[in-house]
């Protein structure tokens, strides 16, 4: 026979449903990043990356594209004015 148990009040933990605070990576992502950085230190760090930039530029540029910010906040003001004037060359009627 099954027994019916009545619950009283809210039984959820106090932070249930709130998720991680903004900007905090999950544990798996942090662990993976730590392993990658550890492996990079093991093979030479910055010097190794510089060698890879020369030996494998396509892969290196792909890495750069992944680690650079995806959005840039910039204001560009151009105050120079460019004018292009196209004139017809004058014919010299004196030359036969």
C-alpha atoms as a PDB file:
ATOM      1  CA  UNK A   1       0.000   0.000   0.000  1.00  0.00           C
ATOM      2  CA  UNK A   2       1.223   3.512  -0.793  1.00  0.00           C
ATOM      3  CA  UNK A   3       1.337   6.155   1.806  1.00  0.00           C
ATOM      4  CA  UNK A   4       0.310   9.745   1.038  1.00  0.00           C
ATOM      5  CA  UNK A   5       2.656  12.342   2.458  1.00  0.00           C
ATOM      6  CA  UNK A   6       1.528  15.935   2.646  1.00  0.00           C
ATOM      7  CA  UNK A   7       4.099  18.667   2.059  1.00  0.00           C
ATOM      8  CA  UNK A   8       3.936  21.895   3.883  1.00  0.00           C
ATOM      9  CA  UNK A   9       5.276  25.118   2.427  1.00  0.00           C
ATOM     10  CA  UNK A  10       7.955  25.650  -0.185  1.00  0.00           C
ATOM     11  CA  UNK A  11      10.561  22.849  -0.138  1.00  0.00           C
ATOM     12  CA  UNK A  12      12.889  24.350  -2.801  1.00  0.00           C
ATOM     13  CA  UNK A  13      16.388  25.453  -1.855  1.00  0.00           C
ATOM     14  CA  UNK A  14      16.680  29.233  -1.366  1.00  0.00           C
ATOM     15  CA  UNK A  15      18.608  29.812  -4.663  1.00  0.00           C
ATOM     16  CA  UNK A  16      16.652  27.343  -6.808  1.00  0.00           C
ATOM     17  CA  UNK A  17      16.098  28.525 -10.367  1.00  0.00           C
ATOM     18  CA  UNK A  18      18.503  31.443 -10.192  1.00  0.00           C
ATOM     19  CA  UNK A  19      21.345  29.777 -12.124  1.00  0.00           C
ATOM     20  CA  UNK A  20      24.938  30.956 -12.162  1.00  0.00           C
ATOM     21  CA  UNK A  21      25.691  34.606 -11.602  1.00  0.00           C
ATOM     22  CA  UNK A  22      26.370  36.514 -14.819  1.00  0.00           C
ATOM     23  CA  UNK A  23      29.942  36.119 -16.093  1.00  0.00           C
ATOM     24  CA  UNK A  24      30.808  33.016 -14.067  1.00  0.00           C
ATOM     25  CA  UNK A  25      31.827  30.135 -16.379  1.00  0.00           C
ATOM     26  CA  UNK A  26      30.549  26.664 -15.615  1.00  0.00           C
ATOM     27  CA  UNK A  27      32.943  24.199 -13.978  1.00  0.00           C
ATOM     28  CA  UNK A  28      33.548  22.127 -17.117  1.00  0.00           C
ATOM     29  CA  UNK A  29      34.455  25.191 -19.192  1.00  0.00           C
ATOM     30  CA  UNK A  30      36.847  26.438 -16.521  1.00  0.00           C
ATOM     31  CA  UNK A  31      38.479  23.007 -16.183  1.00  0.00           C
ATOM     32  CA  UNK A  32      38.943  22.734 -19.967  1.00  0.00           C
ATOM     33  CA  UNK A  33      40.412  26.232 -20.167  1.00  0.00           C
ATOM     34  CA  UNK A  34      42.825  25.418 -17.334  1.00  0.00           C
ATOM     35  CA  UNK A  35      43.947  22.235 -19.146  1.00  0.00           C
ATOM     36  CA  UNK A  36      44.514  24.121 -22.416  1.00  0.00           C
ATOM     37  CA  UNK A  37      46.526  26.839 -20.679  1.00  0.00           C
ATOM     38  CA  UNK A  38      48.528  24.181 -18.809  1.00  0.00           C
ATOM     39  CA  UNK A  39      49.345  22.392 -22.074  1.00  0.00           C
ATOM     40  CA  UNK A  40      50.374  25.719 -23.628  1.00  0.00           C
ATOM     41  CA  UNK A  41      52.760  26.352 -20.722  1.00  0.00           C
ATOM     42  CA  UNK A  42      54.199  22.846 -21.127  1.00  0.00           C
ATOM     43  CA  UNK A  43      55.125  23.425 -24.805  1.00  0.00           C
ATOM     44  CA  UNK A  44      56.627  26.880 -24.436  1.00  0.00           C
ATOM     45  CA  UNK A  45      53.841  29.397 -23.928  1.00  0.00           C
ATOM     46  CA  UNK A  46      54.152  32.635 -25.887  1.00  0.00           C
ATOM     47  CA  UNK A  47      57.247  31.470 -27.796  1.00  0.00           C
ATOM     48  CA  UNK A  48      55.338  28.401 -29.021  1.00  0.00           C
ATOM     49  CA  UNK A  49      52.418  30.552 -30.154  1.00  0.00           C
ATOM     50  CA  UNK A  50      54.800  32.835 -32.060  1.00  0.00           C
ATOM     51  CA  UNK A  51      56.270  29.787 -33.845  1.00  0.00           C
ATOM     52  CA  UNK A  52      52.799  28.551 -34.726  1.00  0.00           C
ATOM     53  CA  UNK A  53      51.887  31.956 -36.146  1.00  0.00           C
ATOM     54  CA  UNK A  54      54.720  31.520 -38.655  1.00  0.00           C
ATOM     55  CA  UNK A  55      54.360  27.792 -39.340  1.00  0.00           C
ATOM     56  CA  UNK A  56      50.539  27.541 -39.363  1.00  0.00           C
ATOM     57  CA  UNK A  57      49.177  31.031 -40.045  1.00  0.00           C
ATOM     58  CA  UNK A  58      45.672  29.843 -40.997  1.00  0.00           C
ATOM     59  CA  UNK A  59      45.189  27.935 -37.751  1.00  0.00           C
ATOM     60  CA  UNK A  60      46.764  30.772 -35.756  1.00  0.00           C
ATOM     61  CA  UNK A  61      44.445  33.364 -37.274  1.00  0.00           C
ATOM     62  CA  UNK A  62      41.502  31.087 -36.477  1.00  0.00           C
ATOM     63  CA  UNK A  63      42.657  31.083 -32.866  1.00  0.00           C
ATOM     64  CA  UNK A  64      42.921  34.868 -32.877  1.00  0.00           C
ATOM     65  CA  UNK A  65      39.376  35.084 -34.219  1.00  0.00           C
ATOM     66  CA  UNK A  66      38.136  32.914 -31.358  1.00  0.00           C
ATOM     67  CA  UNK A  67      39.831  34.763 -28.525  1.00  0.00           C
ATOM     68  CA  UNK A  68      39.373  38.368 -29.590  1.00  0.00           C
ATOM     69  CA  UNK A  69      36.213  40.115 -28.463  1.00  0.00           C
ATOM     70  CA  UNK A  70      33.291  39.524 -30.764  1.00  0.00           C
ATOM     71  CA  UNK A  71      32.042  43.079 -30.424  1.00  0.00           C
ATOM     72  CA  UNK A  72      34.027  46.259 -30.528  1.00  0.00           C
ATOM     73  CA  UNK A  73      32.735  49.529 -29.184  1.00  0.00           C
ATOM     74  CA  UNK A  74      34.324  52.281 -31.185  1.00  0.00           C
ATOM     75  CA  UNK A  75      33.459  55.701 -32.470  1.00  0.00           C
ATOM     76  CA  UNK A  76      34.974  56.690 -35.771  1.00  0.00           C
ATOM     77  CA  UNK A  77      34.901  60.290 -36.825  1.00  0.00           C
ATOM     78  CA  UNK A  78      36.232  61.268 -40.203  1.00  0.00           C
ATOM     79  CA  UNK A  79      36.513  64.968 -40.759  1.00  0.00           C
ATOM     80  CA  UNK A  80      38.510  64.943 -43.958  1.00  0.00           C
ATOM     81  CA  UNK A  81      36.746  65.799 -47.175  1.00  0.00           C
ATOM     82  CA  UNK A  82      37.777  64.267 -50.451  1.00  0.00           C
ATOM     83  CA  UNK A  83      36.840  65.715 -53.801  1.00  0.00           C
ATOM     84  CA  UNK A  84      37.391  64.143 -57.160  1.00  0.00           C
ATOM     85  CA  UNK A  85      37.162  66.439 -60.159  1.00  0.00           C
ATOM     86  CA  UNK A  86      37.079  64.924 -63.604  1.00  0.00           C
ATOM     87  CA  UNK A  87      37.525  67.315 -66.488  1.00  0.00           C
ATOM     88  CA  UNK A  88      37.694  66.728 -70.173  1.00  0.00           C
ATOM     89  CA  UNK A  89      41.021  67.428 -71.736  1.00  0.00           C
ATOM     90  CA  UNK A  90      40.943  70.515 -73.953  1.00  0.00           C
ATOM     91  CA  UNK A  91      41.612  69.855 -77.585  1.00  0.00           C
ATOM     92  CA  UNK A  92      44.290  71.889 -79.222  1.00  0.00           C
ATOM     93  CA  UNK A  93      42.806  72.865 -82.610  1.00  0.00           C
ATOM     94  CA  UNK A  94      46.014  74.535 -83.734  1.00  0.00           C
ATOM     95  CA  UNK A  95      47.755  71.216 -84.344  1.00  0.00           C
ATOM     96  CA  UNK A  96      47.004  69.701 -87.767  1.00  0.00           C
END
